[in-house]
Amino acid sequence: MSYRRGQQKLKRRKRSSAKSLWDEGKEINVAVKTGKVLLGERSVTRELSMGDLKMIVLARNAPAKVVNQIKILNNCLESPIPVYVSKNSSWELGAICARPHWVSVVGVINPGDSSIMKAVEK
């Protein structure tokens, strides 16, 4: 095949299997849309004492005061709830949850169609 001046052969992009990659942000977004989640420190700590939460997701840069308070309350429970520290910042976590503000804590009551609970198993 001959190419004209200035033209180049197009390179094929390597495809990665989307099924094998686990995307944390996507799973949180699916949980927000299809399941039942709580956003924010106050609502999560209130629900934590009730014992209805299945998982807690903390932002990477959540305030130390909030992290300590949640860990202390979680240790007081008979069966502690899994706490997952996200690789996303609070601003990115807010964008993932489709909110125009920071979200430092997400409490998952019902994950819906999401496989966010796999994060705890890893």
PDB file of N, CA and C in Angstrom:
ATOM      1  N   MET A   1       0.833  -1.166   0.000  1.00  0.00           N
ATOM      2  CA  MET A   1       0.000   0.000   0.000  1.00  0.00           C
ATOM      3  C   MET A   1       0.886   1.241   0.000  1.00  0.00           C
ATOM      4  N   SER A   2       0.596   2.137  -0.876  1.00  0.00           N
ATOM      5  CA  SER A   2       1.424   3.338  -0.927  1.00  0.00           C
ATOM      6  C   SER A   2       0.682   4.498  -0.280  1.00  0.00           C
ATOM      7  N   TYR A   3       1.419   5.289   0.448  1.00  0.00           N
ATOM      8  CA  TYR A   3       0.846   6.440   1.141  1.00  0.00           C
ATOM      9  C   TYR A   3       1.321   7.710   0.460  1.00  0.00           C
ATOM     10  N   ARG A   4       0.439   8.670   0.414  1.00  0.00           N
ATOM     11  CA  ARG A   4       0.830   9.959  -0.155  1.00  0.00           C
ATOM     12  C   ARG A   4       1.715  10.702   0.828  1.00  0.00           C
ATOM     13  N   ARG A   5       2.276  11.759   0.336  1.00  0.00           N
ATOM     14  CA  ARG A   5       3.140  12.567   1.168  1.00  0.00           C
ATOM     15  C   ARG A   5       2.342  13.151   2.344  1.00  0.00           C
ATOM     16  N   GLY A   6       2.841  13.001   3.555  1.00  0.00           N
ATOM     17  CA  GLY A   6       2.176  13.548   4.734  1.00  0.00           C
ATOM     18  C   GLY A   6       1.209  12.574   5.392  1.00  0.00           C
ATOM     19  N   GLN A   7       0.892  11.478   4.732  1.00  0.00           N
ATOM     20  CA  GLN A   7      -0.011  10.498   5.329  1.00  0.00           C
ATOM     21  C   GLN A   7       0.797   9.436   6.056  1.00  0.00           C
ATOM     22  N   GLN A   8       0.226   8.933   7.097  1.00  0.00           N
ATOM     23  CA  GLN A   8       0.882   7.876   7.854  1.00  0.00           C
ATOM     24  C   GLN A   8      -0.072   6.707   8.015  1.00  0.00           C
ATOM     25  N   LYS A   9       0.501   5.577   8.254  1.00  0.00           N
ATOM     26  CA  LYS A   9      -0.298   4.393   8.515  1.00  0.00           C
ATOM     27  C   LYS A   9      -0.908   4.530   9.913  1.00  0.00           C
ATOM     28  N   LEU A  10      -2.206   4.250  10.020  1.00  0.00           N
ATOM     29  CA  LEU A  10      -2.875   4.337  11.317  1.00  0.00           C
ATOM     30  C   LEU A  10      -2.481   3.151  12.184  1.00  0.00           C
ATOM     31  N   LYS A  11      -2.171   3.439  13.432  1.00  0.00           N
ATOM     32  CA  LYS A  11      -1.809   2.381  14.353  1.00  0.00           C
ATOM     33  C   LYS A  11      -3.057   1.904  15.076  1.00  0.00           C
ATOM     34  N   ARG A  12      -3.140   0.611  15.270  1.00  0.00           N
ATOM     35  CA  ARG A  12      -4.278   0.059  15.989  1.00  0.00           C
ATOM     36  C   ARG A  12      -4.051   0.206  17.491  1.00  0.00           C
ATOM     37  N   ARG A  13      -5.106   0.544  18.172  1.00  0.00           N
ATOM     38  CA  ARG A  13      -5.049   0.714  19.614  1.00  0.00           C
ATOM     39  C   ARG A  13      -5.179  -0.644  20.294  1.00  0.00           C
ATOM     40  N   LYS A  14      -4.347  -0.872  21.293  1.00  0.00           N
ATOM     41  CA  LYS A  14      -4.478  -2.108  22.053  1.00  0.00           C
ATOM     42  C   LYS A  14      -5.708  -2.015  22.922  1.00  0.00           C
ATOM     43  N   ARG A  15      -6.476  -3.036  22.912  1.00  0.00           N
ATOM     44  CA  ARG A  15      -7.705  -3.050  23.710  1.00  0.00           C
ATOM     45  C   ARG A  15      -7.474  -3.841  24.983  1.00  0.00           C
ATOM     46  N   SER A  16      -7.931  -3.280  26.061  1.00  0.00           N
ATOM     47  CA  SER A  16      -7.855  -4.002  27.324  1.00  0.00           C
ATOM     48  C   SER A  16      -9.251  -4.481  27.673  1.00  0.00           C
ATOM     49  N   SER A  17      -9.300  -5.571  28.328  1.00  0.00           N
ATOM     50  CA  SER A  17     -10.592  -6.135  28.692  1.00  0.00           C
ATOM     51  C   SER A  17     -11.228  -5.285  29.778  1.00  0.00           C
ATOM     52  N   ALA A  18     -12.368  -4.715  29.482  1.00  0.00           N
ATOM     53  CA  ALA A  18     -13.051  -3.852  30.445  1.00  0.00           C
ATOM     54  C   ALA A  18     -13.635  -4.667  31.588  1.00  0.00           C
ATOM     55  N   LYS A  19     -13.897  -5.925  31.353  1.00  0.00           N
ATOM     56  CA  LYS A  19     -14.491  -6.758  32.396  1.00  0.00           C
ATOM     57  C   LYS A  19     -13.490  -7.101  33.489  1.00  0.00           C
ATOM     58  N   SER A  20     -12.220  -7.174  33.123  1.00  0.00           N
ATOM     59  CA  SER A  20     -11.232  -7.559  34.114  1.00  0.00           C
ATOM     60  C   SER A  20     -10.802  -6.382  34.998  1.00  0.00           C
ATOM     61  N   LEU A  21     -11.022  -5.157  34.535  1.00  0.00           N
ATOM     62  CA  LEU A  21     -10.634  -3.989  35.310  1.00  0.00           C
ATOM     63  C   LEU A  21     -11.770  -3.575  36.236  1.00  0.00           C
ATOM     64  N   TRP A  22     -11.429  -3.289  37.488  1.00  0.00           N
ATOM     65  CA  TRP A  22     -12.434  -2.857  38.453  1.00  0.00           C
ATOM     66  C   TRP A  22     -12.262  -1.368  38.677  1.00  0.00           C
ATOM     67  N   ASP A  23     -13.301  -0.598  38.374  1.00  0.00           N
ATOM     68  CA  ASP A  23     -13.225   0.852  38.494  1.00  0.00           C
ATOM     69  C   ASP A  23     -14.006   1.296  39.721  1.00  0.00           C
ATOM     70  N   GLU A  24     -13.281   1.804  40.685  1.00  0.00           N
ATOM     71  CA  GLU A  24     -13.882   2.208  41.955  1.00  0.00           C
ATOM     72  C   GLU A  24     -14.905   3.330  41.775  1.00  0.00           C
ATOM     73  N   GLY A  25     -14.545   4.347  40.982  1.00  0.00           N
ATOM     74  CA  GLY A  25     -15.433   5.483  40.779  1.00  0.00           C
ATOM     75  C   GLY A  25     -16.729   5.083  40.106  1.00  0.00           C
ATOM     76  N   LYS A  26     -16.633   4.196  39.133  1.00  0.00           N
ATOM     77  CA  LYS A  26     -17.826   3.729  38.428  1.00  0.00           C
ATOM     78  C   LYS A  26     -18.752   2.963  39.366  1.00  0.00           C
ATOM     79  N   GLU A  27     -18.176   2.129  40.212  1.00  0.00           N
ATOM     80  CA  GLU A  27     -18.991   1.335  41.136  1.00  0.00           C
ATOM     81  C   GLU A  27     -19.680   2.216  42.179  1.00  0.00           C
ATOM     82  N   ILE A  28     -18.997   3.249  42.646  1.00  0.00           N
ATOM     83  CA  ILE A  28     -19.634   4.178  43.589  1.00  0.00           C
ATOM     84  C   ILE A  28     -20.772   4.915  42.905  1.00  0.00           C
ATOM     85  N   ASN A  29     -20.558   5.323  41.658  1.00  0.00           N
ATOM     86  CA  ASN A  29     -21.592   6.018  40.895  1.00  0.00           C
ATOM     87  C   ASN A  29     -22.810   5.124  40.689  1.00  0.00           C
ATOM     88  N   VAL A  30     -22.601   3.852  40.365  1.00  0.00           N
ATOM     89  CA  VAL A  30     -23.713   2.914  40.183  1.00  0.00           C
ATOM     90  C   VAL A  30     -24.455   2.709  41.500  1.00  0.00           C
ATOM     91  N   ALA A  31     -23.714   2.643  42.606  1.00  0.00           N
ATOM     92  CA  ALA A  31     -24.348   2.490  43.918  1.00  0.00           C
ATOM     93  C   ALA A  31     -25.206   3.704  44.257  1.00  0.00           C
ATOM     94  N   VAL A  32     -24.727   4.906  43.900  1.00  0.00           N
ATOM     95  CA  VAL A  32     -25.491   6.128  44.169  1.00  0.00           C
ATOM     96  C   VAL A  32     -26.774   6.149  43.337  1.00  0.00           C
ATOM     97  N   LYS A  33     -26.672   5.709  42.079  1.00  0.00           N
ATOM     98  CA  LYS A  33     -27.829   5.765  41.185  1.00  0.00           C
ATOM     99  C   LYS A  33     -28.839   4.653  41.430  1.00  0.00           C
ATOM    100  N   THR A  34     -28.386   3.426  41.708  1.00  0.00           N
ATOM    101  CA  THR A  34     -29.311   2.302  41.807  1.00  0.00           C
ATOM    102  C   THR A  34     -29.577   1.843  43.235  1.00  0.00           C
ATOM    103  N   GLY A  35     -28.675   2.146  44.146  1.00  0.00           N
ATOM    104  CA  GLY A  35     -28.839   1.687  45.522  1.00  0.00           C
ATOM    105  C   GLY A  35     -29.252   2.822  46.441  1.00  0.00           C
ATOM    106  N   LYS A  36     -28.998   2.608  47.723  1.00  0.00           N
ATOM    107  CA  LYS A  36     -29.289   3.636  48.711  1.00  0.00           C
ATOM    108  C   LYS A  36     -28.001   3.952  49.460  1.00  0.00           C
ATOM    109  N   VAL A  37     -27.572   5.213  49.353  1.00  0.00           N
ATOM    110  CA  VAL A  37     -26.344   5.643  50.011  1.00  0.00           C
ATOM    111  C   VAL A  37     -26.595   6.932  50.783  1.00  0.00           C
ATOM    112  N   LEU A  38     -25.752   7.171  51.759  1.00  0.00           N
ATOM    113  CA  LEU A  38     -25.788   8.406  52.530  1.00  0.00           C
ATOM    114  C   LEU A  38     -24.498   9.169  52.273  1.00  0.00           C
ATOM    115  N   LEU A  39     -24.604  10.468  52.115  1.00  0.00           N
ATOM    116  CA  LEU A  39     -23.442  11.306  51.853  1.00  0.00           C
ATOM    117  C   LEU A  39     -23.225  12.239  53.036  1.00  0.00           C
ATOM    118  N   GLY A  40     -22.000  12.320  53.489  1.00  0.00           N
ATOM    119  CA  GLY A  40     -21.667  13.266  54.543  1.00  0.00           C
ATOM    120  C   GLY A  40     -21.432  12.617  55.887  1.00  0.00           C
ATOM    121  N   GLU A  41     -20.680  13.341  56.705  1.00  0.00           N
ATOM    122  CA  GLU A  41     -20.280  12.820  58.009  1.00  0.00           C
ATOM    123  C   GLU A  41     -21.453  12.666  58.966  1.00  0.00           C
ATOM    124  N   ARG A  42     -22.307  13.678  59.045  1.00  0.00           N
ATOM    125  CA  ARG A  42     -23.395  13.636  60.025  1.00  0.00           C
ATOM    126  C   ARG A  42     -24.355  12.482  59.782  1.00  0.00           C
ATOM    127  N   SER A  43     -24.802  12.347  58.536  1.00  0.00           N
ATOM    128  CA  SER A  43     -25.777  11.294  58.251  1.00  0.00           C
ATOM    129  C   SER A  43     -25.161   9.901  58.386  1.00  0.00           C
ATOM    130  N   VAL A  44     -23.880   9.770  58.031  1.00  0.00           N
ATOM    131  CA  VAL A  44     -23.232   8.463  58.143  1.00  0.00           C
ATOM    132  C   VAL A  44     -23.019   8.089  59.605  1.00  0.00           C
ATOM    133  N   THR A  45     -22.576   9.026  60.447  1.00  0.00           N
ATOM    134  CA  THR A  45     -22.373   8.704  61.867  1.00  0.00           C
ATOM    135  C   THR A  45     -23.698   8.424  62.567  1.00  0.00           C
ATOM    136  N   ARG A  46     -24.740   9.120  62.167  1.00  0.00           N
ATOM    137  CA  ARG A  46     -26.074   8.867  62.736  1.00  0.00           C
ATOM    138  C   ARG A  46     -26.547   7.458  62.382  1.00  0.00           C
ATOM    139  N   GLU A  47     -26.362   7.080  61.119  1.00  0.00           N
ATOM    140  CA  GLU A  47     -26.797   5.761  60.664  1.00  0.00           C
ATOM    141  C   GLU A  47     -25.862   4.661  61.167  1.00  0.00           C
ATOM    142  N   LEU A  48     -24.609   5.009  61.427  1.00  0.00           N
ATOM    143  CA  LEU A  48     -23.639   4.038  61.940  1.00  0.00           C
ATOM    144  C   LEU A  48     -24.057   3.527  63.310  1.00  0.00           C
ATOM    145  N   SER A  49     -24.599   4.406  64.132  1.00  0.00           N
ATOM    146  CA  SER A  49     -25.050   3.975  65.455  1.00  0.00           C
ATOM    147  C   SER A  49     -26.294   3.098  65.373  1.00  0.00           C
ATOM    148  N   MET A  50     -27.082   3.258  64.295  1.00  0.00           N
ATOM    149  CA  MET A  50     -28.265   2.411  64.088  1.00  0.00           C
ATOM    150  C   MET A  50     -27.878   1.008  63.623  1.00  0.00           C
ATOM    151  N   GLY A  51     -26.788   0.908  62.862  1.00  0.00           N
ATOM    152  CA  GLY A  51     -26.316  -0.395  62.416  1.00  0.00           C
ATOM    153  C   GLY A  51     -26.882  -0.852  61.087  1.00  0.00           C
ATOM    154  N   ASP A  52     -27.397   0.063  60.254  1.00  0.00           N
ATOM    155  CA  ASP A  52     -27.973  -0.332  58.974  1.00  0.00           C
ATOM    156  C   ASP A  52     -26.970  -0.268  57.821  1.00  0.00           C
ATOM    157  N   LEU A  53     -25.803   0.271  58.041  1.00  0.00           N
ATOM    158  CA  LEU A  53     -24.826   0.424  56.965  1.00  0.00           C
ATOM    159  C   LEU A  53     -24.151  -0.902  56.640  1.00  0.00           C
ATOM    160  N   LYS A  54     -23.828  -1.082  55.362  1.00  0.00           N
ATOM    161  CA  LYS A  54     -23.098  -2.272  54.934  1.00  0.00           C
ATOM    162  C   LYS A  54     -21.638  -1.955  54.667  1.00  0.00           C
ATOM    163  N   MET A  55     -21.348  -0.679  54.348  1.00  0.00           N
ATOM    164  CA  MET A  55     -19.983  -0.293  54.034  1.00  0.00           C
ATOM    165  C   MET A  55     -19.843   1.211  54.155  1.00  0.00           C
ATOM    166  N   ILE A  56     -18.639   1.666  54.499  1.00  0.00           N
ATOM    167  CA  ILE A  56     -18.337   3.088  54.565  1.00  0.00           C
ATOM    168  C   ILE A  56     -17.154   3.359  53.644  1.00  0.00           C
ATOM    169  N   VAL A  57     -17.294   4.379  52.789  1.00  0.00           N
ATOM    170  CA  VAL A  57     -16.218   4.784  51.884  1.00  0.00           C
ATOM    171  C   VAL A  57     -15.729   6.149  52.334  1.00  0.00           C
ATOM    172  N   LEU A  58     -14.442   6.240  52.625  1.00  0.00           N
ATOM    173  CA  LEU A  58     -13.830   7.501  53.039  1.00  0.00           C
ATOM    174  C   LEU A  58     -12.994   8.064  51.894  1.00  0.00           C
ATOM    175  N   ALA A  59     -13.008   9.372  51.744  1.00  0.00           N
ATOM    176  CA  ALA A  59     -12.158  10.017  50.745  1.00  0.00           C
ATOM    177  C   ALA A  59     -10.706   9.944  51.194  1.00  0.00           C
ATOM    178  N   ARG A  60      -9.806  10.033  50.241  1.00  0.00           N
ATOM    179  CA  ARG A  60      -8.372   9.958  50.531  1.00  0.00           C
ATOM    180  C   ARG A  60      -7.938  11.073  51.472  1.00  0.00           C
ATOM    181  N   ASN A  61      -8.531  12.256  51.301  1.00  0.00           N
ATOM    182  CA  ASN A  61      -8.118  13.407  52.106  1.00  0.00           C
ATOM    183  C   ASN A  61      -9.195  13.816  53.103  1.00  0.00           C
ATOM    184  N   ALA A  62      -9.931  12.844  53.613  1.00  0.00           N
ATOM    185  CA  ALA A  62     -10.944  13.146  54.624  1.00  0.00           C
ATOM    186  C   ALA A  62     -10.254  13.685  55.878  1.00  0.00           C
ATOM    187  N   PRO A  63     -10.885  14.638  56.572  1.00  0.00           N
ATOM    188  CA  PRO A  63     -10.262  15.190  57.777  1.00  0.00           C
ATOM    189  C   PRO A  63      -9.995  14.114  58.823  1.00  0.00           C
ATOM    190  N   ALA A  64      -8.884  14.234  59.512  1.00  0.00           N
ATOM    191  CA  ALA A  64      -8.485  13.240  60.508  1.00  0.00           C
ATOM    192  C   ALA A  64      -9.516  13.117  61.620  1.00  0.00           C
ATOM    193  N   LYS A  65     -10.148  14.236  61.968  1.00  0.00           N
ATOM    194  CA  LYS A  65     -11.183  14.219  63.003  1.00  0.00           C
ATOM    195  C   LYS A  65     -12.344  13.315  62.601  1.00  0.00           C
ATOM    196  N   VAL A  66     -12.751  13.404  61.334  1.00  0.00           N
ATOM    197  CA  VAL A  66     -13.867  12.595  60.826  1.00  0.00           C
ATOM    198  C   VAL A  66     -13.471  11.122  60.789  1.00  0.00           C
ATOM    199  N   VAL A  67     -12.269  10.852  60.295  1.00  0.00           N
ATOM    200  CA  VAL A  67     -11.803   9.468  60.190  1.00  0.00           C
ATOM    201  C   VAL A  67     -11.729   8.830  61.575  1.00  0.00           C
ATOM    202  N   ASN A  68     -11.179   9.543  62.548  1.00  0.00           N
ATOM    203  CA  ASN A  68     -11.070   9.007  63.908  1.00  0.00           C
ATOM    204  C   ASN A  68     -12.438   8.774  64.527  1.00  0.00           C
ATOM    205  N   GLN A  69     -13.356   9.703  64.324  1.00  0.00           N
ATOM    206  CA  GLN A  69     -14.695   9.563  64.892  1.00  0.00           C
ATOM    207  C   GLN A  69     -15.407   8.335  64.326  1.00  0.00           C
ATOM    208  N   ILE A  70     -15.299   8.129  63.024  1.00  0.00           N
ATOM    209  CA  ILE A  70     -15.959   6.983  62.399  1.00  0.00           C
ATOM    210  C   ILE A  70     -15.307   5.677  62.858  1.00  0.00           C
ATOM    211  N   LYS A  71     -13.984   5.648  62.962  1.00  0.00           N
ATOM    212  CA  LYS A  71     -13.303   4.426  63.401  1.00  0.00           C
ATOM    213  C   LYS A  71     -13.634   4.090  64.848  1.00  0.00           C
ATOM    214  N   ILE A  72     -13.735   5.110  65.701  1.00  0.00           N
ATOM    215  CA  ILE A  72     -14.077   4.869  67.108  1.00  0.00           C
ATOM    216  C   ILE A  72     -15.507   4.329  67.225  1.00  0.00           C
ATOM    217  N   LEU A  73     -16.444   4.965  66.516  1.00  0.00           N
ATOM    218  CA  LEU A  73     -17.826   4.483  66.551  1.00  0.00           C
ATOM    219  C   LEU A  73     -17.945   3.081  65.960  1.00  0.00           C
ATOM    220  N   ASN A  74     -17.172   2.804  64.929  1.00  0.00           N
ATOM    221  CA  ASN A  74     -17.220   1.504  64.278  1.00  0.00           C
ATOM    222  C   ASN A  74     -16.660   0.411  65.186  1.00  0.00           C
ATOM    223  N   ASN A  75     -15.624   0.728  65.950  1.00  0.00           N
ATOM    224  CA  ASN A  75     -15.042  -0.263  66.861  1.00  0.00           C
ATOM    225  C   ASN A  75     -15.950  -0.576  68.039  1.00  0.00           C
ATOM    226  N   CYS A  76     -16.876   0.325  68.351  1.00  0.00           N
ATOM    227  CA  CYS A  76     -17.794   0.103  69.457  1.00  0.00           C
ATOM    228  C   CYS A  76     -18.930  -0.857  69.096  1.00  0.00           C
ATOM    229  N   LEU A  77     -19.134  -1.096  67.821  1.00  0.00           N
ATOM    230  CA  LEU A  77     -20.209  -1.989  67.381  1.00  0.00           C
ATOM    231  C   LEU A  77     -19.838  -3.448  67.613  1.00  0.00           C
ATOM    232  N   GLU A  78     -20.872  -4.296  67.748  1.00  0.00           N
ATOM    233  CA  GLU A  78     -20.624  -5.724  67.927  1.00  0.00           C
ATOM    234  C   GLU A  78     -19.980  -6.337  66.687  1.00  0.00           C
ATOM    235  N   SER A  79     -20.535  -5.995  65.533  1.00  0.00           N
ATOM    236  CA  SER A  79     -19.939  -6.458  64.270  1.00  0.00           C
ATOM    237  C   SER A  79     -19.545  -5.226  63.462  1.00  0.00           C
ATOM    238  N   PRO A  80     -18.254  -4.899  63.428  1.00  0.00           N
ATOM    239  CA  PRO A  80     -17.804  -3.680  62.748  1.00  0.00           C
ATOM    240  C   PRO A  80     -18.134  -3.694  61.249  1.00  0.00           C
ATOM    241  N   ILE A  81     -18.408  -2.521  60.738  1.00  0.00           N
ATOM    242  CA  ILE A  81     -18.737  -2.329  59.330  1.00  0.00           C
ATOM    243  C   ILE A  81     -17.435  -2.112  58.569  1.00  0.00           C
ATOM    244  N   PRO A  82     -17.278  -2.719  57.379  1.00  0.00           N
ATOM    245  CA  PRO A  82     -16.044  -2.500  56.624  1.00  0.00           C
ATOM    246  C   PRO A  82     -15.882  -1.045  56.196  1.00  0.00           C
ATOM    247  N   VAL A  83     -14.687  -0.518  56.392  1.00  0.00           N
ATOM    248  CA  VAL A  83     -14.359   0.855  56.007  1.00  0.00           C
ATOM    249  C   VAL A  83     -13.343   0.789  54.878  1.00  0.00           C
ATOM    250  N   TYR A  84     -13.648   1.449  53.762  1.00  0.00           N
ATOM    251  CA  TYR A  84     -12.769   1.454  52.594  1.00  0.00           C
ATOM    252  C   TYR A  84     -12.293   2.878  52.352  1.00  0.00           C
ATOM    253  N   VAL A  85     -10.980   3.071  52.295  1.00  0.00           N
ATOM    254  CA  VAL A  85     -10.415   4.383  52.007  1.00  0.00           C
ATOM    255  C   VAL A  85     -10.203   4.473  50.500  1.00  0.00           C
ATOM    256  N   SER A  86     -10.915   5.397  49.883  1.00  0.00           N
ATOM    257  CA  SER A  86     -10.893   5.553  48.437  1.00  0.00           C
ATOM    258  C   SER A  86      -9.592   6.190  47.974  1.00  0.00           C
ATOM    259  N   LYS A  87      -9.237   5.958  46.724  1.00  0.00           N
ATOM    260  CA  LYS A  87      -8.055   6.614  46.163  1.00  0.00           C
ATOM    261  C   LYS A  87      -8.402   7.998  45.626  1.00  0.00           C
ATOM    262  N   ASN A  88      -9.678   8.350  45.647  1.00  0.00           N
ATOM    263  CA  ASN A  88     -10.137   9.653  45.160  1.00  0.00           C
ATOM    264  C   ASN A  88     -10.177  10.664  46.292  1.00  0.00           C
ATOM    265  N   SER A  89      -9.977  11.933  45.927  1.00  0.00           N
ATOM    266  CA  SER A  89     -10.078  13.010  46.911  1.00  0.00           C
ATOM    267  C   SER A  89     -11.556  13.300  47.174  1.00  0.00           C
ATOM    268  N   SER A  90     -11.827  14.144  48.147  1.00  0.00           N
ATOM    269  CA  SER A  90     -13.209  14.463  48.480  1.00  0.00           C
ATOM    270  C   SER A  90     -13.897  15.221  47.347  1.00  0.00           C
ATOM    271  N   TRP A  91     -13.157  16.038  46.626  1.00  0.00           N
ATOM    272  CA  TRP A  91     -13.734  16.764  45.495  1.00  0.00           C
ATOM    273  C   TRP A  91     -14.099  15.787  44.376  1.00  0.00           C
ATOM    274  N   GLU A  92     -13.227  14.825  44.085  1.00  0.00           N
ATOM    275  CA  GLU A  92     -13.501  13.820  43.059  1.00  0.00           C
ATOM    276  C   GLU A  92     -14.641  12.909  43.480  1.00  0.00           C
ATOM    277  N   LEU A  93     -14.710  12.581  44.769  1.00  0.00           N
ATOM    278  CA  LEU A  93     -15.801  11.740  45.274  1.00  0.00           C
ATOM    279  C   LEU A  93     -17.134  12.458  45.138  1.00  0.00           C
ATOM    280  N   GLY A  94     -17.152  13.765  45.344  1.00  0.00           N
ATOM    281  CA  GLY A  94     -18.368  14.544  45.125  1.00  0.00           C
ATOM    282  C   GLY A  94     -18.789  14.525  43.669  1.00  0.00           C
ATOM    283  N   ALA A  95     -17.836  14.615  42.759  1.00  0.00           N
ATOM    284  CA  ALA A  95     -18.148  14.562  41.326  1.00  0.00           C
ATOM    285  C   ALA A  95     -18.662  13.184  40.931  1.00  0.00           C
ATOM    286  N   ILE A  96     -18.090  12.130  41.508  1.00  0.00           N
ATOM    287  CA  ILE A  96     -18.547  10.770  41.226  1.00  0.00           C
ATOM    288  C   ILE A  96     -19.988  10.583  41.691  1.00  0.00           C
ATOM    289  N   CYS A  97     -20.329  11.197  42.825  1.00  0.00           N
ATOM    290  CA  CYS A  97     -21.691  11.095  43.367  1.00  0.00           C
ATOM    291  C   CYS A  97     -22.640  12.099  42.724  1.00  0.00           C
ATOM    292  N   ALA A  98     -22.171  12.815  41.706  1.00  0.00           N
ATOM    293  CA  ALA A  98     -22.969  13.810  40.971  1.00  0.00           C
ATOM    294  C   ALA A  98     -23.429  14.939  41.889  1.00  0.00           C
ATOM    295  N   ARG A  99     -22.533  15.395  42.741  1.00  0.00           N
ATOM    296  CA  ARG A  99     -22.802  16.511  43.645  1.00  0.00           C
ATOM    297  C   ARG A  99     -21.832  17.645  43.349  1.00  0.00           C
ATOM    298  N   PRO A 100     -22.283  18.888  43.458  1.00  0.00           N
ATOM    299  CA  PRO A 100     -21.385  20.020  43.164  1.00  0.00           C
ATOM    300  C   PRO A 100     -20.560  20.466  44.377  1.00  0.00           C
ATOM    301  N   HIS A 101     -20.325  19.574  45.318  1.00  0.00           N
ATOM    302  CA  HIS A 101     -19.566  19.942  46.520  1.00  0.00           C
ATOM    303  C   HIS A 101     -18.723  18.750  46.960  1.00  0.00           C
ATOM    304  N   TRP A 102     -17.893  18.960  47.988  1.00  0.00           N
ATOM    305  CA  TRP A 102     -17.042  17.906  48.509  1.00  0.00           C
ATOM    306  C   TRP A 102     -17.869  16.869  49.243  1.00  0.00           C
ATOM    307  N   VAL A 103     -17.467  15.627  49.118  1.00  0.00           N
ATOM    308  CA  VAL A 103     -18.071  14.531  49.877  1.00  0.00           C
ATOM    309  C   VAL A 103     -16.918  13.734  50.468  1.00  0.00           C
ATOM    310  N   SER A 104     -16.792  13.758  51.777  1.00  0.00           N
ATOM    311  CA  SER A 104     -15.674  13.062  52.406  1.00  0.00           C
ATOM    312  C   SER A 104     -16.040  11.653  52.861  1.00  0.00           C
ATOM    313  N   VAL A 105     -17.335  11.412  53.109  1.00  0.00           N
ATOM    314  CA  VAL A 105     -17.772  10.099  53.596  1.00  0.00           C
ATOM    315  C   VAL A 105     -19.020   9.680  52.838  1.00  0.00           C
ATOM    316  N   VAL A 106     -19.033   8.416  52.390  1.00  0.00           N
ATOM    317  CA  VAL A 106     -20.205   7.826  51.749  1.00  0.00           C
ATOM    318  C   VAL A 106     -20.551   6.563  52.516  1.00  0.00           C
ATOM    319  N   GLY A 107     -21.788   6.464  52.960  1.00  0.00           N
ATOM    320  CA  GLY A 107     -22.255   5.271  53.650  1.00  0.00           C
ATOM    321  C   GLY A 107     -23.185   4.491  52.744  1.00  0.00           C
ATOM    322  N   VAL A 108     -22.894   3.220  52.538  1.00  0.00           N
ATOM    323  CA  VAL A 108     -23.690   2.381  51.648  1.00  0.00           C
ATOM    324  C   VAL A 108     -24.658   1.557  52.483  1.00  0.00           C
ATOM    325  N   ILE A 109     -25.954   1.796  52.270  1.00  0.00           N
ATOM    326  CA  ILE A 109     -26.986   0.995  52.929  1.00  0.00           C
ATOM    327  C   ILE A 109     -27.360  -0.186  52.039  1.00  0.00           C
ATOM    328  N   ASN A 110     -27.599   0.099  50.752  1.00  0.00           N
ATOM    329  CA  ASN A 110     -27.930  -0.926  49.778  1.00  0.00           C
ATOM    330  C   ASN A 110     -27.110  -0.637  48.520  1.00  0.00           C
ATOM    331  N   PRO A 111     -26.208  -1.538  48.095  1.00  0.00           N
ATOM    332  CA  PRO A 111     -25.363  -1.242  46.946  1.00  0.00           C
ATOM    333  C   PRO A 111     -26.084  -1.261  45.602  1.00  0.00           C
ATOM    334  N   GLY A 112     -27.295  -1.791  45.538  1.00  0.00           N
ATOM    335  CA  GLY A 112     -28.025  -1.834  44.277  1.00  0.00           C
ATOM    336  C   GLY A 112     -27.341  -2.762  43.286  1.00  0.00           C
ATOM    337  N   ASP A 113     -27.142  -2.305  42.044  1.00  0.00           N
ATOM    338  CA  ASP A 113     -26.508  -3.111  41.006  1.00  0.00           C
ATOM    339  C   ASP A 113     -24.995  -3.023  41.045  1.00  0.00           C
ATOM    340  N   SER A 114     -24.459  -2.294  41.990  1.00  0.00           N
ATOM    341  CA  SER A 114     -23.021  -2.068  42.070  1.00  0.00           C
ATOM    342  C   SER A 114     -22.308  -3.255  42.713  1.00  0.00           C
ATOM    343  N   SER A 115     -21.045  -3.408  42.370  1.00  0.00           N
ATOM    344  CA  SER A 115     -20.214  -4.431  43.010  1.00  0.00           C
ATOM    345  C   SER A 115     -19.182  -3.756  43.917  1.00  0.00           C
ATOM    346  N   ILE A 116     -19.598  -2.711  44.593  1.00  0.00           N
ATOM    347  CA  ILE A 116     -18.711  -1.944  45.470  1.00  0.00           C
ATOM    348  C   ILE A 116     -18.239  -2.771  46.663  1.00  0.00           C
ATOM    349  N   MET A 117     -18.999  -3.782  47.037  1.00  0.00           N
ATOM    350  CA  MET A 117     -18.624  -4.602  48.171  1.00  0.00           C
ATOM    351  C   MET A 117     -17.361  -5.440  47.890  1.00  0.00           C
ATOM    352  N   LYS A 118     -16.994  -5.582  46.614  1.00  0.00           N
ATOM    353  CA  LYS A 118     -15.767  -6.295  46.257  1.00  0.00           C
ATOM    354  C   LYS A 118     -14.532  -5.539  46.728  1.00  0.00           C
ATOM    355  N   ALA A 119     -14.667  -4.241  46.929  1.00  0.00           N
ATOM    356  CA  ALA A 119     -13.527  -3.436  47.379  1.00  0.00           C
ATOM    357  C   ALA A 119     -13.076  -3.875  48.771  1.00  0.00           C
ATOM    358  N   VAL A 120     -13.992  -4.331  49.577  1.00  0.00           N
ATOM    359  CA  VAL A 120     -13.662  -4.765  50.931  1.00  0.00           C
ATOM    360  C   VAL A 120     -12.933  -6.099  50.888  1.00  0.00           C
ATOM    361  N   GLU A 121     -13.289  -6.926  49.914  1.00  0.00           N
ATOM    362  CA  GLU A 121     -12.677  -8.252  49.820  1.00  0.00           C
ATOM    363  C   GLU A 121     -11.227  -8.188  49.372  1.00  0.00           C
ATOM    364  N   LYS A 122     -10.841  -7.108  48.638  1.00  0.00           N
ATOM    365  CA  LYS A 122      -9.476  -7.004  48.115  1.00  0.00           C
ATOM    366  C   LYS A 122      -8.475  -6.711  49.208  1.00  0.00           C
TER     367      LYS A 122
END
